[in-house]
Amino acid sequence: MSDKTRRALKDFGLTDYEVKTYVALVEAGPMPASELSTHAGVPYSKIYEIIGNLERKGWVETEQGRPSKYYPKAPTMALESSKIRIE
């Protein structure tokens, strides 16, 4: 994903780790937290907190199971959620 896109995600209120996590999901597809931590370059000790933040902000969905898998929401849907939260 381009630097311009990453900056835009930050402008919508995502932190560096949240941007890295969301981009990893968009680029590599759904995956469990352990893989996501590696792909995103986010410490494993932080990944669940980051996923929770992204879920609350409307950027990620969780599929329950063993292990749980995390899916990126479509950028247009995520942006809508962000706009609604801001208003």
PDB file of N, CA and C in Angstrom:
ATOM      1  N   MET A   1       0.843  -1.163   0.000  1.00  0.00           N
ATOM      2  CA  MET A   1       0.000   0.000   0.000  1.00  0.00           C
ATOM      3  C   MET A   1       0.894   1.234   0.000  1.00  0.00           C
ATOM      4  N   SER A   2       0.468   2.249  -0.688  1.00  0.00           N
ATOM      5  CA  SER A   2       1.299   3.442  -0.846  1.00  0.00           C
ATOM      6  C   SER A   2       1.395   4.253   0.452  1.00  0.00           C
ATOM      7  N   ASP A   3       2.440   5.073   0.516  1.00  0.00           N
ATOM      8  CA  ASP A   3       2.614   5.953   1.676  1.00  0.00           C
ATOM      9  C   ASP A   3       1.452   6.928   1.788  1.00  0.00           C
ATOM     10  N   LYS A   4       0.935   7.353   0.644  1.00  0.00           N
ATOM     11  CA  LYS A   4      -0.200   8.282   0.631  1.00  0.00           C
ATOM     12  C   LYS A   4      -1.413   7.639   1.311  1.00  0.00           C
ATOM     13  N   THR A   5      -1.646   6.374   1.010  1.00  0.00           N
ATOM     14  CA  THR A   5      -2.768   5.650   1.614  1.00  0.00           C
ATOM     15  C   THR A   5      -2.553   5.488   3.112  1.00  0.00           C
ATOM     16  N   ARG A   6      -1.331   5.163   3.495  1.00  0.00           N
ATOM     17  CA  ARG A   6      -1.027   5.006   4.925  1.00  0.00           C
ATOM     18  C   ARG A   6      -1.249   6.325   5.672  1.00  0.00           C
ATOM     19  N   ARG A   7      -0.833   7.431   5.067  1.00  0.00           N
ATOM     20  CA  ARG A   7      -1.049   8.744   5.690  1.00  0.00           C
ATOM     21  C   ARG A   7      -2.541   9.042   5.823  1.00  0.00           C
ATOM     22  N   ALA A   8      -3.303   8.662   4.790  1.00  0.00           N
ATOM     23  CA  ALA A   8      -4.755   8.882   4.836  1.00  0.00           C
ATOM     24  C   ALA A   8      -5.382   8.090   5.984  1.00  0.00           C
ATOM     25  N   LEU A   9      -4.914   6.860   6.189  1.00  0.00           N
ATOM     26  CA  LEU A   9      -5.430   6.051   7.298  1.00  0.00           C
ATOM     27  C   LEU A   9      -5.121   6.719   8.640  1.00  0.00           C
ATOM     28  N   LYS A  10      -3.938   7.292   8.753  1.00  0.00           N
ATOM     29  CA  LYS A  10      -3.581   8.007   9.987  1.00  0.00           C
ATOM     30  C   LYS A  10      -4.471   9.233  10.170  1.00  0.00           C
ATOM     31  N   ASP A  11      -4.795   9.897   9.051  1.00  0.00           N
ATOM     32  CA  ASP A  11      -5.682  11.063   9.120  1.00  0.00           C
ATOM     33  C   ASP A  11      -7.070  10.684   9.635  1.00  0.00           C
ATOM     34  N   PHE A  12      -7.456   9.423   9.446  1.00  0.00           N
ATOM     35  CA  PHE A  12      -8.739   8.944   9.955  1.00  0.00           C
ATOM     36  C   PHE A  12      -8.638   8.455  11.394  1.00  0.00           C
ATOM     37  N   GLY A  13      -7.504   8.716  12.029  1.00  0.00           N
ATOM     38  CA  GLY A  13      -7.383   8.431  13.452  1.00  0.00           C
ATOM     39  C   GLY A  13      -6.740   7.110  13.820  1.00  0.00           C
ATOM     40  N   LEU A  14      -6.144   6.411  12.847  1.00  0.00           N
ATOM     41  CA  LEU A  14      -5.473   5.151  13.170  1.00  0.00           C
ATOM     42  C   LEU A  14      -4.039   5.429  13.620  1.00  0.00           C
ATOM     43  N   THR A  15      -3.568   4.639  14.576  1.00  0.00           N
ATOM     44  CA  THR A  15      -2.185   4.746  15.040  1.00  0.00           C
ATOM     45  C   THR A  15      -1.268   4.005  14.059  1.00  0.00           C
ATOM     46  N   ASP A  16       0.039   4.136  14.257  1.00  0.00           N
ATOM     47  CA  ASP A  16       1.003   3.424  13.400  1.00  0.00           C
ATOM     48  C   ASP A  16       0.752   1.920  13.417  1.00  0.00           C
ATOM     49  N   TYR A  17       0.616   1.345  14.615  1.00  0.00           N
ATOM     50  CA  TYR A  17       0.375  -0.098  14.718  1.00  0.00           C
ATOM     51  C   TYR A  17      -0.952  -0.494  14.085  1.00  0.00           C
ATOM     52  N   GLU A  18      -1.980   0.340  14.243  1.00  0.00           N
ATOM     53  CA  GLU A  18      -3.279   0.035  13.636  1.00  0.00           C
ATOM     54  C   GLU A  18      -3.184   0.057  12.116  1.00  0.00           C
ATOM     55  N   VAL A  19      -2.458   1.027  11.581  1.00  0.00           N
ATOM     56  CA  VAL A  19      -2.263   1.097  10.127  1.00  0.00           C
ATOM     57  C   VAL A  19      -1.524  -0.146   9.647  1.00  0.00           C
ATOM     58  N   LYS A  20      -0.433  -0.508  10.314  1.00  0.00           N
ATOM     59  CA  LYS A  20       0.343  -1.693   9.919  1.00  0.00           C
ATOM     60  C   LYS A  20      -0.523  -2.950   9.947  1.00  0.00           C
ATOM     61  N   THR A  21      -1.346  -3.077  10.985  1.00  0.00           N
ATOM     62  CA  THR A  21      -2.200  -4.257  11.139  1.00  0.00           C
ATOM     63  C   THR A  21      -3.261  -4.305  10.052  1.00  0.00           C
ATOM     64  N   TYR A  22      -3.931  -3.196   9.808  1.00  0.00           N
ATOM     65  CA  TYR A  22      -4.981  -3.151   8.784  1.00  0.00           C
ATOM     66  C   TYR A  22      -4.391  -3.418   7.396  1.00  0.00           C
ATOM     67  N   VAL A  23      -3.274  -2.790   7.090  1.00  0.00           N
ATOM     68  CA  VAL A  23      -2.626  -2.983   5.784  1.00  0.00           C
ATOM     69  C   VAL A  23      -2.224  -4.447   5.606  1.00  0.00           C
ATOM     70  N   ALA A  24      -1.693  -5.074   6.647  1.00  0.00           N
ATOM     71  CA  ALA A  24      -1.309  -6.494   6.557  1.00  0.00           C
ATOM     72  C   ALA A  24      -2.518  -7.356   6.228  1.00  0.00           C
ATOM     73  N   LEU A  25      -3.666  -7.073   6.844  1.00  0.00           N
ATOM     74  CA  LEU A  25      -4.879  -7.845   6.562  1.00  0.00           C
ATOM     75  C   LEU A  25      -5.365  -7.619   5.133  1.00  0.00           C
ATOM     76  N   VAL A  26      -5.312  -6.384   4.673  1.00  0.00           N
ATOM     77  CA  VAL A  26      -5.751  -6.080   3.303  1.00  0.00           C
ATOM     78  C   VAL A  26      -4.840  -6.770   2.293  1.00  0.00           C
ATOM     79  N   GLU A  27      -3.536  -6.717   2.528  1.00  0.00           N
ATOM     80  CA  GLU A  27      -2.581  -7.275   1.569  1.00  0.00           C
ATOM     81  C   GLU A  27      -2.494  -8.800   1.621  1.00  0.00           C
ATOM     82  N   ALA A  28      -2.568  -9.392   2.818  1.00  0.00           N
ATOM     83  CA  ALA A  28      -2.357 -10.841   2.948  1.00  0.00           C
ATOM     84  C   ALA A  28      -3.640 -11.630   3.187  1.00  0.00           C
ATOM     85  N   GLY A  29      -4.731 -10.952   3.498  1.00  0.00           N
ATOM     86  CA  GLY A  29      -5.991 -11.644   3.737  1.00  0.00           C
ATOM     87  C   GLY A  29      -6.162 -12.039   5.191  1.00  0.00           C
ATOM     88  N   PRO A  30      -7.318 -12.657   5.492  1.00  0.00           N
ATOM     89  CA  PRO A  30      -7.633 -13.036   6.874  1.00  0.00           C
ATOM     90  C   PRO A  30      -6.584 -13.972   7.467  1.00  0.00           C
ATOM     91  N   MET A  31      -6.319 -13.785   8.763  1.00  0.00           N
ATOM     92  CA  MET A  31      -5.337 -14.640   9.438  1.00  0.00           C
ATOM     93  C   MET A  31      -5.510 -14.550  10.942  1.00  0.00           C
ATOM     94  N   PRO A  32      -4.972 -15.537  11.658  1.00  0.00           N
ATOM     95  CA  PRO A  32      -5.003 -15.481  13.126  1.00  0.00           C
ATOM     96  C   PRO A  32      -4.010 -14.445  13.659  1.00  0.00           C
ATOM     97  N   ALA A  33      -4.162 -14.101  14.922  1.00  0.00           N
ATOM     98  CA  ALA A  33      -3.356 -13.049  15.545  1.00  0.00           C
ATOM     99  C   ALA A  33      -1.856 -13.310  15.467  1.00  0.00           C
ATOM    100  N   SER A  34      -1.434 -14.555  15.647  1.00  0.00           N
ATOM    101  CA  SER A  34       0.009 -14.841  15.640  1.00  0.00           C
ATOM    102  C   SER A  34       0.624 -14.521  14.281  1.00  0.00           C
ATOM    103  N   GLU A  35      -0.056 -14.910  13.207  1.00  0.00           N
ATOM    104  CA  GLU A  35       0.438 -14.593  11.859  1.00  0.00           C
ATOM    105  C   GLU A  35       0.354 -13.095  11.598  1.00  0.00           C
ATOM    106  N   LEU A  36      -0.737 -12.501  12.041  1.00  0.00           N
ATOM    107  CA  LEU A  36      -0.942 -11.068  11.822  1.00  0.00           C
ATOM    108  C   LEU A  36       0.165 -10.257  12.479  1.00  0.00           C
ATOM    109  N   SER A  37       0.550 -10.646  13.676  1.00  0.00           N
ATOM    110  CA  SER A  37       1.635  -9.976  14.384  1.00  0.00           C
ATOM    111  C   SER A  37       2.912  -9.989  13.549  1.00  0.00           C
ATOM    112  N   THR A  38       3.227 -11.143  12.976  1.00  0.00           N
ATOM    113  CA  THR A  38       4.431 -11.283  12.153  1.00  0.00           C
ATOM    114  C   THR A  38       4.326 -10.461  10.874  1.00  0.00           C
ATOM    115  N   HIS A  39       3.206 -10.594  10.159  1.00  0.00           N
ATOM    116  CA  HIS A  39       3.019  -9.866   8.895  1.00  0.00           C
ATOM    117  C   HIS A  39       3.037  -8.356   9.091  1.00  0.00           C
ATOM    118  N   ALA A  40       2.432  -7.899  10.180  1.00  0.00           N
ATOM    119  CA  ALA A  40       2.304  -6.460  10.409  1.00  0.00           C
ATOM    120  C   ALA A  40       3.542  -5.849  11.058  1.00  0.00           C
ATOM    121  N   GLY A  41       4.384  -6.690  11.644  1.00  0.00           N
ATOM    122  CA  GLY A  41       5.544  -6.157  12.354  1.00  0.00           C
ATOM    123  C   GLY A  41       5.144  -5.499  13.670  1.00  0.00           C
ATOM    124  N   VAL A  42       4.072  -6.025  14.269  1.00  0.00           N
ATOM    125  CA  VAL A  42       3.567  -5.512  15.543  1.00  0.00           C
ATOM    126  C   VAL A  42       3.900  -6.549  16.614  1.00  0.00           C
ATOM    127  N   PRO A  43       4.421  -6.119  17.767  1.00  0.00           N
ATOM    128  CA  PRO A  43       4.741  -7.091  18.818  1.00  0.00           C
ATOM    129  C   PRO A  43       3.517  -7.932  19.188  1.00  0.00           C
ATOM    130  N   TYR A  44       3.732  -9.231  19.370  1.00  0.00           N
ATOM    131  CA  TYR A  44       2.630 -10.135  19.707  1.00  0.00           C
ATOM    132  C   TYR A  44       1.923  -9.685  20.985  1.00  0.00           C
ATOM    133  N   SER A  45       2.685  -9.113  21.914  1.00  0.00           N
ATOM    134  CA  SER A  45       2.101  -8.655  23.179  1.00  0.00           C
ATOM    135  C   SER A  45       1.103  -7.512  22.980  1.00  0.00           C
ATOM    136  N   LYS A  46       1.137  -6.857  21.821  1.00  0.00           N
ATOM    137  CA  LYS A  46       0.254  -5.721  21.528  1.00  0.00           C
ATOM    138  C   LYS A  46      -0.862  -6.060  20.546  1.00  0.00           C
ATOM    139  N   ILE A  47      -0.751  -7.171  19.825  1.00  0.00           N
ATOM    140  CA  ILE A  47      -1.634  -7.413  18.679  1.00  0.00           C
ATOM    141  C   ILE A  47      -3.110  -7.490  19.070  1.00  0.00           C
ATOM    142  N   TYR A  48      -3.434  -8.120  20.198  1.00  0.00           N
ATOM    143  CA  TYR A  48      -4.851  -8.227  20.587  1.00  0.00           C
ATOM    144  C   TYR A  48      -5.442  -6.862  20.943  1.00  0.00           C
ATOM    145  N   GLU A  49      -4.648  -6.025  21.570  1.00  0.00           N
ATOM    146  CA  GLU A  49      -5.091  -4.661  21.883  1.00  0.00           C
ATOM    147  C   GLU A  49      -5.361  -3.891  20.587  1.00  0.00           C
ATOM    148  N   ILE A  50      -4.450  -4.020  19.624  1.00  0.00           N
ATOM    149  CA  ILE A  50      -4.586  -3.323  18.342  1.00  0.00           C
ATOM    150  C   ILE A  50      -5.812  -3.830  17.591  1.00  0.00           C
ATOM    151  N   ILE A  51      -5.993  -5.145  17.554  1.00  0.00           N
ATOM    152  CA  ILE A  51      -7.156  -5.727  16.873  1.00  0.00           C
ATOM    153  C   ILE A  51      -8.445  -5.222  17.526  1.00  0.00           C
ATOM    154  N   GLY A  52      -8.473  -5.189  18.850  1.00  0.00           N
ATOM    155  CA  GLY A  52      -9.650  -4.689  19.570  1.00  0.00           C
ATOM    156  C   GLY A  52      -9.959  -3.243  19.222  1.00  0.00           C
ATOM    157  N   ASN A  53      -8.912  -2.427  19.148  1.00  0.00           N
ATOM    158  CA  ASN A  53      -9.095  -1.023  18.768  1.00  0.00           C
ATOM    159  C   ASN A  53      -9.668  -0.916  17.357  1.00  0.00           C
ATOM    160  N   LEU A  54      -9.107  -1.688  16.434  1.00  0.00           N
ATOM    161  CA  LEU A  54      -9.583  -1.654  15.047  1.00  0.00           C
ATOM    162  C   LEU A  54     -11.025  -2.143  14.950  1.00  0.00           C
ATOM    163  N   GLU A  55     -11.368  -3.130  15.750  1.00  0.00           N
ATOM    164  CA  GLU A  55     -12.741  -3.639  15.754  1.00  0.00           C
ATOM    165  C   GLU A  55     -13.707  -2.562  16.250  1.00  0.00           C
ATOM    166  N   ARG A  56     -13.355  -1.898  17.337  1.00  0.00           N
ATOM    167  CA  ARG A  56     -14.203  -0.825  17.877  1.00  0.00           C
ATOM    168  C   ARG A  56     -14.350   0.319  16.883  1.00  0.00           C
ATOM    169  N   LYS A  57     -13.293   0.588  16.120  1.00  0.00           N
ATOM    170  CA  LYS A  57     -13.328   1.677  15.142  1.00  0.00           C
ATOM    171  C   LYS A  57     -14.008   1.272  13.836  1.00  0.00           C
ATOM    172  N   GLY A  58     -14.326  -0.019  13.692  1.00  0.00           N
ATOM    173  CA  GLY A  58     -15.042  -0.481  12.508  1.00  0.00           C
ATOM    174  C   GLY A  58     -14.175  -0.876  11.327  1.00  0.00           C
ATOM    175  N   TRP A  59     -12.896  -1.154  11.556  1.00  0.00           N
ATOM    176  CA  TRP A  59     -11.976  -1.489  10.464  1.00  0.00           C
ATOM    177  C   TRP A  59     -11.738  -2.988  10.309  1.00  0.00           C
ATOM    178  N   VAL A  60     -12.054  -3.772  11.342  1.00  0.00           N
ATOM    179  CA  VAL A  60     -11.741  -5.205  11.346  1.00  0.00           C
ATOM    180  C   VAL A  60     -12.924  -5.984  11.921  1.00  0.00           C
ATOM    181  N   GLU A  61     -13.101  -7.215  11.430  1.00  0.00           N
ATOM    182  CA  GLU A  61     -14.103  -8.132  11.964  1.00  0.00           C
ATOM    183  C   GLU A  61     -13.402  -9.399  12.433  1.00  0.00           C
ATOM    184  N   THR A  62     -14.005 -10.068  13.416  1.00  0.00           N
ATOM    185  CA  THR A  62     -13.445 -11.299  13.964  1.00  0.00           C
ATOM    186  C   THR A  62     -14.337 -12.476  13.627  1.00  0.00           C
ATOM    187  N   GLU A  63     -13.716 -13.563  13.171  1.00  0.00           N
ATOM    188  CA  GLU A  63     -14.431 -14.828  12.994  1.00  0.00           C
ATOM    189  C   GLU A  63     -14.009 -15.711  14.156  1.00  0.00           C
ATOM    190  N   GLN A  64     -14.971 -16.028  15.016  1.00  0.00           N
ATOM    191  CA  GLN A  64     -14.667 -16.845  16.188  1.00  0.00           C
ATOM    192  C   GLN A  64     -14.283 -18.255  15.756  1.00  0.00           C
ATOM    193  N   GLY A  65     -13.412 -18.853  16.494  1.00  0.00           N
ATOM    194  CA  GLY A  65     -12.956 -20.209  16.223  1.00  0.00           C
ATOM    195  C   GLY A  65     -11.673 -20.459  16.976  1.00  0.00           C
ATOM    196  N   ARG A  66     -11.042 -21.551  16.654  1.00  0.00           N
ATOM    197  CA  ARG A  66      -9.756 -21.888  17.266  1.00  0.00           C
ATOM    198  C   ARG A  66      -8.752 -22.114  16.167  1.00  0.00           C
ATOM    199  N   PRO A  67      -7.904 -21.193  15.872  1.00  0.00           N
ATOM    200  CA  PRO A  67      -7.832 -19.844  16.436  1.00  0.00           C
ATOM    201  C   PRO A  67      -8.818 -18.899  15.740  1.00  0.00           C
ATOM    202  N   SER A  68      -9.104 -17.776  16.384  1.00  0.00           N
ATOM    203  CA  SER A  68      -9.937 -16.749  15.758  1.00  0.00           C
ATOM    204  C   SER A  68      -9.181 -16.186  14.567  1.00  0.00           C
ATOM    205  N   LYS A  69      -9.928 -15.815  13.527  1.00  0.00           N
ATOM    206  CA  LYS A  69      -9.320 -15.162  12.364  1.00  0.00           C
ATOM    207  C   LYS A  69      -9.854 -13.744  12.274  1.00  0.00           C
ATOM    208  N   TYR A  70      -9.028 -12.877  11.761  1.00  0.00           N
ATOM    209  CA  TYR A  70      -9.373 -11.465  11.660  1.00  0.00           C
ATOM    210  C   TYR A  70      -9.422 -11.068  10.194  1.00  0.00           C
ATOM    211  N   TYR A  71     -10.474 -10.322   9.853  1.00  0.00           N
ATOM    212  CA  TYR A  71     -10.733  -9.904   8.478  1.00  0.00           C
ATOM    213  C   TYR A  71     -10.755  -8.388   8.397  1.00  0.00           C
ATOM    214  N   PRO A  72     -10.187  -7.828   7.339  1.00  0.00           N
ATOM    215  CA  PRO A  72     -10.328  -6.382   7.166  1.00  0.00           C
ATOM    216  C   PRO A  72     -11.714  -6.081   6.603  1.00  0.00           C
ATOM    217  N   LYS A  73     -12.324  -5.024   7.066  1.00  0.00           N
ATOM    218  CA  LYS A  73     -13.563  -4.577   6.433  1.00  0.00           C
ATOM    219  C   LYS A  73     -13.158  -3.822   5.174  1.00  0.00           C
ATOM    220  N   ALA A  74     -14.052  -3.783   4.206  1.00  0.00           N
ATOM    221  CA  ALA A  74     -13.780  -3.027   2.986  1.00  0.00           C
ATOM    222  C   ALA A  74     -13.489  -1.577   3.378  1.00  0.00           C
ATOM    223  N   PRO A  75     -12.484  -0.967   2.751  1.00  0.00           N
ATOM    224  CA  PRO A  75     -12.131   0.412   3.116  1.00  0.00           C
ATOM    225  C   PRO A  75     -13.320   1.371   3.093  1.00  0.00           C
ATOM    226  N   THR A  76     -14.225   1.221   2.130  1.00  0.00           N
ATOM    227  CA  THR A  76     -15.373   2.135   2.072  1.00  0.00           C
ATOM    228  C   THR A  76     -16.265   1.974   3.301  1.00  0.00           C
ATOM    229  N   MET A  77     -16.470   0.721   3.747  1.00  0.00           N
ATOM    230  CA  MET A  77     -17.284   0.481   4.946  1.00  0.00           C
ATOM    231  C   MET A  77     -16.580   1.016   6.192  1.00  0.00           C
ATOM    232  N   ALA A  78     -15.284   0.807   6.260  1.00  0.00           N
ATOM    233  CA  ALA A  78     -14.514   1.275   7.412  1.00  0.00           C
ATOM    234  C   ALA A  78     -14.526   2.802   7.480  1.00  0.00           C
ATOM    235  N   LEU A  79     -14.399   3.445   6.330  1.00  0.00           N
ATOM    236  CA  LEU A  79     -14.420   4.908   6.300  1.00  0.00           C
ATOM    237  C   LEU A  79     -15.783   5.431   6.739  1.00  0.00           C
ATOM    238  N   GLU A  80     -16.856   4.766   6.328  1.00  0.00           N
ATOM    239  CA  GLU A  80     -18.202   5.150   6.764  1.00  0.00           C
ATOM    240  C   GLU A  80     -18.305   5.073   8.279  1.00  0.00           C
ATOM    241  N   SER A  81     -17.800   3.983   8.857  1.00  0.00           N
ATOM    242  CA  SER A  81     -17.825   3.821  10.317  1.00  0.00           C
ATOM    243  C   SER A  81     -17.053   4.946  10.994  1.00  0.00           C
ATOM    244  N   SER A  82     -15.910   5.304  10.413  1.00  0.00           N
ATOM    245  CA  SER A  82     -15.094   6.374  10.983  1.00  0.00           C
ATOM    246  C   SER A  82     -15.820   7.708  10.910  1.00  0.00           C
ATOM    247  N   LYS A  83     -16.465   7.980   9.786  1.00  0.00           N
ATOM    248  CA  LYS A  83     -17.204   9.241   9.633  1.00  0.00           C
ATOM    249  C   LYS A  83     -18.336   9.324  10.647  1.00  0.00           C
ATOM    250  N   ILE A  84     -19.068   8.241  10.814  1.00  0.00           N
ATOM    251  CA  ILE A  84     -20.190   8.215  11.753  1.00  0.00           C
ATOM    252  C   ILE A  84     -19.689   8.463  13.171  1.00  0.00           C
ATOM    253  N   ARG A  85     -18.568   7.845  13.540  1.00  0.00           N
ATOM    254  CA  ARG A  85     -18.002   8.029  14.874  1.00  0.00           C
ATOM    255  C   ARG A  85     -17.577   9.472  15.097  1.00  0.00           C
ATOM    256  N   ILE A  86     -17.016  10.100  14.054  1.00  0.00           N
ATOM    257  CA  ILE A  86     -16.533  11.479  14.169  1.00  0.00           C
ATOM    258  C   ILE A  86     -17.699  12.448  14.344  1.00  0.00           C
ATOM    259  N   GLU A  87     -18.790  12.195  13.620  1.00  0.00           N
ATOM    260  CA  GLU A  87     -19.959  13.083  13.698  1.00  0.00           C
ATOM    261  C   GLU A  87     -20.616  12.885  15.027  1.00  0.00           C
TER     262      GLU A  87
END
